[in-house]
Amino acid sequence: MLVKTYGSAVYGVEAITIAVEVNINNQGKSDAIIVGLPDGAVKESLLRVESAIKDNGYFMPRTRLIVNLAPADIRKSGTAFDLPIAMGTLGASEQLINPEKLTDYVIMGELSLDGSVRSIKGALPIAIQARKENFKGLIVPKQNAREAAMVNNLLVYGVSHLNEVIDFFKDETTLQPVVVNTREEFAYAQSDFDIDFCDVKGQENIKRALEIAAAGGHNAILIGPPGAGKTMLAKRLPTILPPLSLHEALETTKIHSVAGKLPENATLISKRPYRSPHHTISDVALVGGGGNPQPGEISLAHNGVLFLDELPEFKRTVLEVMRQPMEERKVTISRAKIALEFPASFMLIASMNPCPCGYFNHPEKPCTCPPGAVQKYLNKISGPLLDRIDLHVEVTPVAFSELSSTRQFEKSDSIRARVIKAREIQEERYKNNEGVYSNAQMSSKMLKEICIINTASQNLLKIAMEKLNLSARAYDRILKVSRTIADLSGSEDIKAEHLAEAIQYRSLDREGWGG
């Protein structure tokens, strides 16, 4: 007897429905085989399925059993096909009353030897694809049910054991669909932060620079001695970023779902991601890849912040592979038979000491580095990468009077309100430009139309370009940042003071910076 069930395979951040065809034939030798380009984990599925079926009082056919995963030219990987193969085997061996019902549902889950169902990766994109193809429902492990139930107009059932699925197909009333009020939960968790900008004493100029970065979606680098508060400030950046839209939240959750980074019983990611990889990270772990390509840290930071602490300590090859994704806001992982695209629209915030010892230009502690060490240390970061960072901000140690101050510093909420207002201006400006939402994403053509400056400002910029020996890309960055500063002040035109403030955020371009 031939029975068909449906599963799903995740490629990139999208899912493809896979037909699981199980055929039991009394002719020929007694064996079981899986075809359709399965990997090692899928091939081992038959052993897990056999144990789970027998352990729960059913029998495993002792005739020729063929499982085909179609389309057969796409590589199948992972353990999530255990459950559909088990149900197909029970249906084909006539141990299910109505095996034709199996075609109404997408079924996914890994089986333990006793029939328990373990969690899977990518439940959200699987649910989206199941709804798109008009399946009646989706059966997934209980740990993934809330994640999949974010997709409306689709019945999602969470199961913890093989017997629950068998009973469900005998009588469809044994399981209740999981219902999640996505919008209500999403709205509640959006502004629930444990940290706040008011925790940071002093550093008003750094807070101002990060406010500009948040308002325009600009990349920034913080340069200062140990203990000046660079990491503390960077961690609080997501608290002043505009809240995620429902579309952005869904996109972000899909990436984390595919990577298996969502906690059990999770729903939509409601806060902007903050990723801080260690400096020993490999280039594949940062941008994504592997035998079965997975999203890297830059994709996990999509719609959020990627913080690289101690930037010069990262391997140069790791930093260089970021250059293209930072421009294109996506990364393409190409293999011989497949090319996958992961979104990577993130804000890069980096931090570094000014020199190996950390005390170059410190007001109190002397620098102990030998001559030339500062420039050598800075040379670990390539010019093209620095050009892609809009704001270079020097962080100075906090004075004792500020540390011991009892006055209340500005809260994240009030800074966030200004950032949201500036972003609304940009949203209106770029409403006819698809894929552009902030000043940092402006193309060169748009720059000429939007960032128009008067003669006095033009002369100011000319002097700065000549004195600091800035590149053409740095020129573009200054104009973009000055446009953001103008938006924060509610000005329609870029004024000389906006341009002057933008120019001062190019510290690393100055000759003998910090000297």
Protein backbone atom coordinates (compact mmCIF):
# COMPACT_ATOMS: atom_id res chain seq x y z
CA MET A 1 0.00 0.00 0.00
CA LEU A 2 1.21 3.52 -0.82
CA VAL A 3 0.55 6.36 1.65
CA LYS A 4 1.57 10.01 1.34
CA THR A 5 2.25 12.41 4.22
CA TYR A 6 3.77 15.88 4.17
CA GLY A 7 6.75 17.37 5.96
CA SER A 8 8.82 20.47 5.30
CA ALA A 9 12.50 21.37 4.75
CA VAL A 10 14.00 24.75 5.60
CA TYR A 11 16.44 26.38 3.17
CA GLY A 12 17.72 29.79 4.13
CA VAL A 13 14.80 31.45 5.90
CA GLU A 14 12.14 29.86 3.69
CA ALA A 15 10.52 26.39 3.83
CA ILE A 16 9.77 23.93 1.02
CA THR A 17 7.00 21.36 1.46
CA ILE A 18 8.29 17.80 1.15
CA ALA A 19 6.02 14.89 0.20
CA VAL A 20 6.88 11.81 2.29
CA GLU A 21 5.75 8.79 0.23
CA VAL A 22 5.79 5.44 2.03
CA ASN A 23 5.27 2.24 0.03
CA ILE A 24 5.08 -1.28 1.50
CA ASN A 25 5.49 -4.05 -1.07
CA ASN A 26 5.16 -7.75 -0.33
CA GLN A 27 7.33 -8.67 -3.30
CA GLY A 28 11.11 -8.67 -3.23
CA LYS A 29 13.50 -8.90 -0.32
CA SER A 30 12.67 -7.71 3.18
CA ASP A 31 14.40 -4.38 3.81
CA ALA A 32 13.77 -0.68 4.41
CA ILE A 33 15.28 2.21 2.48
CA ILE A 34 14.95 6.01 2.27
CA VAL A 35 15.49 7.72 -1.09
CA GLY A 36 15.33 11.38 -2.15
CA LEU A 37 18.80 12.67 -1.22
CA PRO A 38 18.66 12.05 2.58
CA ASP A 39 21.64 12.90 4.76
CA GLY A 40 22.97 10.63 7.52
CA ALA A 41 20.48 11.90 10.14
CA VAL A 42 17.51 11.21 7.82
CA LYS A 43 18.79 7.72 6.95
CA GLU A 44 19.02 6.86 10.65
CA SER A 45 15.35 7.87 10.97
CA LEU A 46 14.17 4.32 10.18
CA LEU A 47 15.88 2.96 13.31
CA ARG A 48 14.25 5.58 15.55
CA VAL A 49 10.88 5.06 13.84
CA GLU A 50 11.06 1.27 14.27
CA SER A 51 11.85 1.53 17.98
CA ALA A 52 9.12 4.14 18.61
CA ILE A 53 6.48 2.11 16.73
CA LYS A 54 7.30 -1.19 18.47
CA ASP A 55 7.60 0.42 21.92
CA ASN A 56 3.99 1.62 21.67
CA GLY A 57 2.38 -1.68 20.69
CA TYR A 58 2.41 -1.39 16.89
CA PHE A 59 4.39 -3.49 14.43
CA MET A 60 7.06 -2.59 11.90
CA PRO A 61 6.48 -4.17 8.46
CA ARG A 62 8.93 -6.97 7.65
CA THR A 63 8.49 -6.65 3.89
CA ARG A 64 10.03 -4.17 1.44
CA LEU A 65 9.57 -0.61 2.78
CA ILE A 66 10.50 2.34 0.58
CA VAL A 67 10.32 5.95 1.77
CA ASN A 68 10.67 8.66 -0.89
CA LEU A 69 11.21 12.30 0.04
CA ALA A 70 10.04 14.39 -2.91
CA PRO A 71 11.18 16.51 -4.69
CA ALA A 72 14.00 13.98 -4.86
CA ASP A 73 16.67 16.39 -6.20
CA ILE A 74 16.75 18.58 -3.04
CA ARG A 75 19.04 17.56 -0.17
CA LYS A 76 17.12 16.62 3.02
CA SER A 77 18.83 16.99 6.39
CA GLY A 78 18.06 16.77 10.09
CA THR A 79 15.85 14.61 12.27
CA ALA A 80 12.50 16.39 11.85
CA PHE A 81 11.25 13.86 9.25
CA ASP A 82 10.96 11.09 11.91
CA LEU A 83 7.29 11.82 12.73
CA PRO A 84 5.93 12.01 9.13
CA ILE A 85 7.87 8.82 8.22
CA ALA A 86 6.42 7.03 11.29
CA MET A 87 2.85 8.11 10.43
CA GLY A 88 3.35 7.15 6.77
CA THR A 89 4.65 3.72 7.83
CA LEU A 90 1.64 3.14 10.12
CA GLY A 91 -0.71 4.23 7.34
CA ALA A 92 0.93 2.09 4.65
CA SER A 93 0.85 -0.98 6.95
CA GLU A 94 -2.92 -0.37 7.53
CA GLN A 95 -2.54 0.34 11.25
CA LEU A 96 -4.34 3.68 10.86
CA ILE A 97 -8.10 3.77 10.24
CA ASN A 98 -8.13 6.75 7.86
CA PRO A 99 -4.63 7.18 6.36
CA GLU A 100 -6.05 9.50 3.65
CA LYS A 101 -6.45 12.20 6.35
CA LEU A 102 -2.64 12.44 6.55
CA THR A 103 -2.55 14.54 3.36
CA ASP A 104 -4.46 17.39 5.07
CA TYR A 105 -1.63 18.12 7.50
CA VAL A 106 2.06 18.97 7.54
CA ILE A 107 3.68 16.82 10.25
CA MET A 108 7.15 17.49 11.71
CA GLY A 109 9.04 16.20 14.73
CA GLU A 110 12.02 14.18 15.92
CA LEU A 111 11.21 10.86 17.66
CA SER A 112 12.86 9.38 20.70
CA LEU A 113 13.14 5.59 20.91
CA ASP A 114 10.10 5.48 23.24
CA GLY A 115 7.95 7.64 20.92
CA SER A 116 8.44 10.99 22.68
CA VAL A 117 8.57 13.95 20.28
CA ARG A 118 11.52 16.33 20.44
CA SER A 119 11.69 19.95 19.25
CA ILE A 120 12.72 21.01 15.73
CA LYS A 121 14.25 24.06 14.05
CA GLY A 122 12.37 26.40 11.73
CA ALA A 123 8.78 25.86 12.93
CA LEU A 124 7.77 29.42 11.97
CA PRO A 125 8.80 29.33 8.26
CA ILE A 126 7.27 25.81 8.07
CA ALA A 127 3.95 27.17 9.39
CA ILE A 128 4.03 30.11 6.95
CA GLN A 129 4.57 27.72 4.01
CA ALA A 130 1.83 25.35 5.25
CA ARG A 131 -0.68 28.21 5.31
CA LYS A 132 0.46 29.40 1.88
CA GLU A 133 -0.24 25.94 0.43
CA ASN A 134 -3.68 25.75 2.14
CA PHE A 135 -3.05 22.77 4.42
CA LYS A 136 -5.75 22.19 7.02
CA GLY A 137 -3.27 22.17 9.87
CA LEU A 138 0.25 21.66 11.19
CA ILE A 139 1.38 19.09 13.77
CA VAL A 140 4.65 20.01 15.52
CA PRO A 141 6.36 19.24 18.87
CA LYS A 142 4.72 20.95 21.84
CA GLN A 143 7.88 23.04 22.42
CA ASN A 144 7.44 24.64 18.96
CA ALA A 145 3.64 25.00 18.99
CA ARG A 146 3.45 28.61 20.21
CA GLU A 147 6.10 29.65 17.71
CA ALA A 148 4.14 28.07 14.81
CA ALA A 149 0.78 29.35 16.15
CA MET A 150 1.86 32.94 15.43
CA VAL A 151 0.68 32.23 11.87
CA ASN A 152 -3.05 32.89 11.69
CA ASN A 153 -5.63 30.96 9.61
CA LEU A 154 -3.80 27.68 10.28
CA LEU A 155 -4.66 25.04 12.90
CA VAL A 156 -1.49 24.26 14.87
CA TYR A 157 -1.37 21.24 17.18
CA GLY A 158 1.43 20.66 19.68
CA VAL A 159 2.23 17.02 20.51
CA SER A 160 4.63 15.41 22.98
CA HIS A 161 4.25 11.72 22.01
CA LEU A 162 3.65 9.57 18.93
CA ASN A 163 0.47 8.13 20.50
CA GLU A 164 -1.11 11.61 20.56
CA VAL A 165 -0.69 11.89 16.79
CA ILE A 166 -2.09 8.38 16.19
CA ASP A 167 -5.11 9.14 18.42
CA PHE A 168 -5.62 12.45 16.62
CA PHE A 169 -5.99 10.72 13.24
CA LYS A 170 -8.41 8.21 14.77
CA ASP A 171 -10.50 11.07 16.22
CA GLU A 172 -9.59 14.67 15.37
CA THR A 173 -11.09 16.01 18.63
CA THR A 174 -8.37 14.57 20.89
CA LEU A 175 -6.05 17.58 20.36
CA GLN A 176 -6.90 21.25 20.74
CA PRO A 177 -5.23 23.81 18.43
CA VAL A 178 -2.83 26.22 20.10
CA VAL A 179 -4.04 29.83 20.04
CA VAL A 180 -1.64 32.76 20.49
CA ASN A 181 -2.76 36.40 20.65
CA THR A 182 0.33 37.60 18.78
CA ARG A 183 -0.45 41.32 18.67
CA GLU A 184 -1.33 41.59 22.36
CA GLU A 185 1.78 39.70 23.57
CA PHE A 186 3.96 41.59 21.08
CA ALA A 187 2.75 45.03 22.20
CA TYR A 188 3.17 44.18 25.89
CA ALA A 189 6.80 43.02 25.64
CA GLN A 190 8.10 45.74 23.29
CA SER A 191 9.15 48.28 25.90
CA ASP A 192 9.96 45.94 28.79
CA PHE A 193 13.73 46.49 29.25
CA ASP A 194 15.88 45.57 32.25
CA ILE A 195 18.50 48.23 31.45
CA ASP A 196 18.26 51.95 30.76
CA PHE A 197 20.44 54.85 29.59
CA CYS A 198 19.87 56.59 32.93
CA ASP A 199 22.12 53.90 34.50
CA VAL A 200 25.11 55.48 32.72
CA LYS A 201 26.61 58.35 34.72
CA GLY A 202 27.86 61.26 32.60
CA GLN A 203 29.06 60.51 29.03
CA GLU A 204 26.50 62.94 27.57
CA ASN A 205 28.48 63.38 24.33
CA ILE A 206 28.57 59.59 23.79
CA LYS A 207 24.85 59.32 24.48
CA ARG A 208 24.31 62.05 21.90
CA ALA A 209 26.40 60.15 19.32
CA LEU A 210 24.44 56.92 19.96
CA GLU A 211 21.17 58.85 19.69
CA ILE A 212 22.28 60.06 16.22
CA ALA A 213 23.31 56.50 15.30
CA ALA A 214 19.91 55.15 16.40
CA ALA A 215 17.98 57.92 14.63
CA GLY A 216 19.64 57.31 11.26
CA GLY A 217 20.58 53.62 11.52
CA HIS A 218 24.29 54.52 11.37
CA ASN A 219 27.26 52.32 12.28
CA ALA A 220 29.49 53.61 15.09
CA ILE A 221 32.82 52.84 16.75
CA LEU A 222 33.64 53.80 20.35
CA ILE A 223 37.33 54.41 21.14
CA GLY A 224 38.43 54.77 24.74
CA PRO A 225 40.42 53.34 27.67
CA PRO A 226 39.28 50.29 29.69
CA GLY A 227 36.45 50.99 32.10
CA ALA A 228 35.21 54.14 30.32
CA GLY A 229 31.76 52.58 29.73
CA LYS A 230 31.92 51.53 26.06
CA THR A 231 30.24 48.13 26.54
CA MET A 232 27.72 49.54 29.01
CA LEU A 233 26.63 52.19 26.49
CA ALA A 234 26.46 49.74 23.57
CA LYS A 235 24.27 47.30 25.55
CA ARG A 236 21.72 50.05 26.10
CA LEU A 237 21.46 51.05 22.44
CA PRO A 238 18.47 48.72 21.71
CA THR A 239 16.50 50.56 24.42
CA ILE A 240 16.47 53.75 22.32
CA LEU A 241 15.89 52.15 18.92
CA PRO A 242 12.36 52.40 17.45
CA PRO A 243 10.16 49.39 18.35
CA LEU A 244 10.03 46.54 15.83
CA SER A 245 7.13 46.58 13.41
CA LEU A 246 5.11 43.34 13.15
CA HIS A 247 6.71 42.62 9.76
CA GLU A 248 10.25 43.17 11.14
CA ALA A 249 9.48 41.01 14.18
CA LEU A 250 8.24 38.17 11.96
CA GLU A 251 11.35 38.42 9.76
CA THR A 252 13.66 38.43 12.80
CA THR A 253 11.83 35.51 14.45
CA LYS A 254 12.11 33.44 11.25
CA ILE A 255 15.91 33.79 11.26
CA HIS A 256 16.20 32.82 14.93
CA SER A 257 13.79 29.93 14.36
CA VAL A 258 15.88 28.55 11.48
CA ALA A 259 19.05 28.85 13.59
CA GLY A 260 17.37 27.07 16.52
CA LYS A 261 17.96 30.09 18.80
CA LEU A 262 14.36 30.53 19.99
CA PRO A 263 13.66 29.32 23.55
CA GLU A 264 10.93 26.75 24.16
CA ASN A 265 7.34 28.05 23.94
CA ALA A 266 8.58 31.29 22.38
CA THR A 267 6.41 33.59 20.27
CA LEU A 268 7.39 36.66 18.23
CA ILE A 269 10.68 38.35 19.09
CA SER A 270 9.46 41.69 20.40
CA LYS A 271 12.76 43.52 21.05
CA ARG A 272 15.49 44.36 18.58
CA PRO A 273 18.26 41.71 18.68
CA TYR A 274 21.59 42.50 20.35
CA ARG A 275 24.40 40.14 19.37
CA SER A 276 27.89 40.34 20.86
CA PRO A 277 30.14 37.57 19.48
CA HIS A 278 33.54 36.87 21.04
CA HIS A 279 36.62 38.03 19.12
CA THR A 280 37.68 34.39 18.50
CA ILE A 281 34.68 33.89 16.16
CA SER A 282 35.35 32.42 12.69
CA ASP A 283 34.28 34.10 9.45
CA VAL A 284 31.71 31.32 8.76
CA ALA A 285 30.15 31.76 12.22
CA LEU A 286 29.94 35.53 11.63
CA VAL A 287 28.42 35.65 8.13
CA GLY A 288 26.81 32.19 8.00
CA GLY A 289 27.49 29.02 6.08
CA GLY A 290 28.45 25.42 6.81
CA GLY A 291 27.60 22.17 5.01
CA ASN A 292 23.88 22.84 5.54
CA PRO A 293 24.06 26.68 5.45
CA GLN A 294 22.89 28.34 8.65
CA PRO A 295 22.53 32.07 9.43
CA GLY A 296 25.56 33.68 11.09
CA GLU A 297 25.78 36.40 13.74
CA ILE A 298 25.21 39.22 11.23
CA SER A 299 21.86 37.63 10.24
CA LEU A 300 20.90 36.93 13.87
CA ALA A 301 21.47 40.68 14.43
CA HIS A 302 19.08 41.54 11.53
CA ASN A 303 16.89 44.56 12.48
CA GLY A 304 19.04 45.02 15.58
CA VAL A 305 22.58 45.65 16.84
CA LEU A 306 25.80 43.72 16.23
CA PHE A 307 28.35 44.72 18.88
CA LEU A 308 32.00 43.84 18.25
CA ASP A 309 33.93 44.45 21.45
CA GLU A 310 37.71 44.96 21.11
CA LEU A 311 37.51 45.27 17.31
CA PRO A 312 41.31 45.03 16.59
CA GLU A 313 41.38 41.62 18.34
CA PHE A 314 39.11 40.07 15.68
CA LYS A 315 40.92 38.23 12.88
CA ARG A 316 41.32 40.48 9.86
CA THR A 317 39.65 37.93 7.54
CA VAL A 318 36.59 37.92 9.82
CA LEU A 319 36.24 41.70 9.62
CA GLU A 320 36.80 41.84 5.87
CA VAL A 321 33.96 39.39 5.08
CA MET A 322 31.56 41.88 6.68
CA ARG A 323 32.25 44.62 4.17
CA GLN A 324 29.88 43.45 1.43
CA PRO A 325 26.95 42.50 3.73
CA MET A 326 27.21 45.92 5.42
CA GLU A 327 26.66 47.60 2.03
CA GLU A 328 24.05 45.22 0.59
CA ARG A 329 22.26 44.43 3.88
CA LYS A 330 22.08 40.75 2.97
CA VAL A 331 24.50 37.86 2.62
CA THR A 332 24.44 35.18 -0.07
CA ILE A 333 25.85 31.76 0.79
CA SER A 334 26.67 29.89 -2.43
CA ARG A 335 27.30 26.17 -2.74
CA ALA A 336 27.71 23.93 -5.80
CA LYS A 337 24.00 23.03 -5.90
CA ILE A 338 22.33 25.79 -3.93
CA ALA A 339 22.58 29.54 -3.20
CA LEU A 340 20.82 30.84 -0.09
CA GLU A 341 20.22 34.44 0.87
CA PHE A 342 20.02 35.58 4.50
CA PRO A 343 18.96 39.13 5.41
CA ALA A 344 21.61 41.10 7.35
CA SER A 345 20.36 44.65 7.92
CA PHE A 346 22.05 45.49 11.21
CA MET A 347 23.63 48.41 13.02
CA LEU A 348 27.31 47.77 13.67
CA ILE A 349 28.57 49.13 16.98
CA ALA A 350 32.26 48.43 17.62
CA SER A 351 34.53 49.33 20.51
CA MET A 352 38.29 49.41 20.87
CA ASN A 353 41.08 50.64 23.11
CA PRO A 354 43.13 53.49 21.61
CA CYS A 355 46.34 51.41 21.87
CA PRO A 356 47.55 47.98 23.11
CA CYS A 357 47.97 49.17 26.71
CA GLY A 358 44.69 51.09 26.52
CA TYR A 359 45.83 54.44 27.90
CA PHE A 360 46.86 56.52 24.88
CA ASN A 361 45.54 60.07 25.42
CA HIS A 362 44.28 59.18 28.92
CA PRO A 363 44.06 62.33 31.09
CA GLU A 364 45.72 60.68 34.10
CA LYS A 365 47.47 57.39 33.21
CA PRO A 366 50.50 57.40 30.88
CA CYS A 367 50.64 55.25 27.75
CA THR A 368 53.36 52.57 28.01
CA CYS A 369 53.30 51.51 24.34
CA PRO A 370 56.55 51.82 22.29
CA PRO A 371 56.75 54.35 19.41
CA GLY A 372 54.59 53.39 16.42
CA ALA A 373 52.50 50.91 18.43
CA VAL A 374 49.36 53.09 18.32
CA GLN A 375 49.36 53.32 14.53
CA LYS A 376 50.20 49.62 14.20
CA TYR A 377 47.28 48.77 16.50
CA LEU A 378 44.92 50.94 14.46
CA ASN A 379 46.17 49.38 11.21
CA LYS A 380 44.62 46.07 12.29
CA ILE A 381 41.35 47.59 11.09
CA SER A 382 41.32 48.16 7.35
CA GLY A 383 40.53 51.56 5.82
CA PRO A 384 37.56 50.24 3.78
CA LEU A 385 35.91 48.91 6.95
CA LEU A 386 36.46 52.19 8.84
CA ASP A 387 34.97 54.06 5.88
CA ARG A 388 31.77 52.04 6.34
CA ILE A 389 31.49 53.20 9.96
CA ASP A 390 29.74 56.56 10.04
CA LEU A 391 30.49 57.71 13.59
CA HIS A 392 33.92 57.55 15.25
CA VAL A 393 33.40 58.51 18.90
CA GLU A 394 36.12 59.07 21.51
CA VAL A 395 35.04 57.90 24.99
CA THR A 396 36.82 59.54 27.92
CA PRO A 397 36.85 58.25 31.53
CA VAL A 398 34.02 59.45 33.75
CA ALA A 399 35.04 62.03 36.37
CA PHE A 400 34.50 61.20 40.07
CA SER A 401 32.07 64.13 40.40
CA GLU A 402 29.84 62.50 37.74
CA LEU A 403 30.15 59.00 39.24
CA SER A 404 29.16 60.20 42.71
CA SER A 405 26.39 62.47 41.39
CA THR A 406 22.87 61.73 42.64
CA ARG A 407 21.08 63.67 39.90
CA GLN A 408 18.72 61.77 37.62
CA PHE A 409 20.11 61.23 34.11
CA GLU A 410 17.89 61.13 31.02
CA LYS A 411 15.91 57.91 30.62
CA SER A 412 15.89 55.77 27.48
CA ASP A 413 12.18 56.49 26.92
CA SER A 414 12.69 60.21 26.29
CA ILE A 415 15.68 59.57 23.98
CA ARG A 416 13.65 56.89 22.17
CA ALA A 417 10.80 59.37 21.61
CA ARG A 418 13.17 61.74 19.75
CA VAL A 419 14.61 58.82 17.73
CA ILE A 420 11.11 57.66 16.72
CA LYS A 421 10.20 61.20 15.65
CA ALA A 422 13.33 61.41 13.45
CA ARG A 423 12.62 57.96 11.98
CA GLU A 424 9.04 59.03 11.12
CA ILE A 425 10.47 61.95 9.12
CA GLN A 426 12.73 59.50 7.25
CA GLU A 427 9.89 57.03 6.70
CA GLU A 428 7.87 59.77 5.01
CA ARG A 429 10.92 60.87 2.97
CA TYR A 430 11.65 57.36 1.64
CA LYS A 431 8.08 56.06 1.28
CA ASN A 432 8.55 55.71 -2.50
CA ASN A 433 11.96 54.03 -2.23
CA GLU A 434 11.58 50.31 -1.64
CA GLY A 435 14.02 48.84 0.90
CA VAL A 436 15.15 52.26 2.22
CA TYR A 437 13.91 53.18 5.71
CA SER A 438 16.67 55.34 7.20
CA ASN A 439 19.32 57.87 6.21
CA ALA A 440 22.12 55.28 6.49
CA GLN A 441 20.52 53.31 3.62
CA MET A 442 20.54 56.20 1.14
CA SER A 443 22.10 55.48 -2.25
CA SER A 444 24.55 57.90 -3.90
CA LYS A 445 21.82 59.06 -6.28
CA MET A 446 19.45 59.82 -3.41
CA LEU A 447 22.24 61.59 -1.54
CA LYS A 448 22.51 64.20 -4.32
CA GLU A 449 18.75 64.84 -4.23
CA ILE A 450 18.23 64.86 -0.44
CA CYS A 451 21.47 66.16 1.14
CA ILE A 452 21.67 69.56 -0.54
CA ILE A 453 23.88 72.07 1.34
CA ASN A 454 24.45 75.80 0.87
CA THR A 455 27.71 77.50 -0.20
CA ALA A 456 28.95 78.16 3.36
CA SER A 457 28.40 74.53 4.32
CA GLN A 458 30.04 73.42 1.08
CA ASN A 459 33.17 75.43 1.94
CA LEU A 460 33.21 74.02 5.49
CA LEU A 461 33.06 70.48 4.12
CA LYS A 462 35.76 71.23 1.53
CA ILE A 463 38.17 72.43 4.23
CA ALA A 464 37.41 69.37 6.39
CA MET A 465 37.95 66.98 3.47
CA GLU A 466 41.32 68.54 2.63
CA LYS A 467 42.56 68.81 6.25
CA LEU A 468 41.49 65.29 7.27
CA ASN A 469 42.29 63.73 3.89
CA LEU A 470 38.89 61.99 3.79
CA SER A 471 37.80 59.47 1.14
CA ALA A 472 34.77 59.84 -1.15
CA ARG A 473 32.87 57.32 0.97
CA ALA A 474 33.65 59.35 4.13
CA TYR A 475 32.21 62.41 2.32
CA ASP A 476 28.96 60.49 1.79
CA ARG A 477 28.91 59.37 5.43
CA ILE A 478 29.30 62.95 6.70
CA LEU A 479 26.37 64.10 4.58
CA LYS A 480 24.17 61.20 5.77
CA VAL A 481 24.98 61.87 9.43
CA SER A 482 24.36 65.60 9.04
CA ARG A 483 20.97 64.79 7.48
CA THR A 484 20.13 62.69 10.57
CA ILE A 485 21.24 65.49 12.93
CA ALA A 486 18.98 67.88 10.99
CA ASP A 487 16.08 65.41 11.33
CA LEU A 488 16.63 65.18 15.10
CA SER A 489 16.46 68.97 15.37
CA GLY A 490 13.37 69.07 13.12
CA SER A 491 15.14 71.10 10.42
CA GLU A 492 14.22 70.67 6.76
CA ASP A 493 17.63 71.88 5.58
CA ILE A 494 21.12 70.77 6.55
CA LYS A 495 22.72 73.71 8.33
CA ALA A 496 26.41 74.44 8.96
CA GLU A 497 26.13 73.43 12.64
CA HIS A 498 24.68 70.04 11.63
CA LEU A 499 27.56 69.52 9.23
CA ALA A 500 30.15 70.61 11.81
CA GLU A 501 28.81 68.09 14.34
CA ALA A 502 28.89 65.31 11.72
CA ILE A 503 32.52 66.16 10.80
CA GLN A 504 33.67 65.84 14.43
CA TYR A 505 32.48 62.21 14.42
CA ARG A 506 35.37 61.21 12.11
CA SER A 507 38.01 60.90 14.87
CA LEU A 508 39.98 58.09 13.27
CA ASP A 509 40.39 60.04 10.04
CA ARG A 510 42.32 62.80 11.79
CA GLU A 511 46.06 62.81 11.49
CA GLY A 512 47.52 62.00 14.91
CA TRP A 513 44.01 61.56 16.28
CA GLY A 514 43.76 62.01 20.02
CA GLY A 515 47.20 63.66 20.10
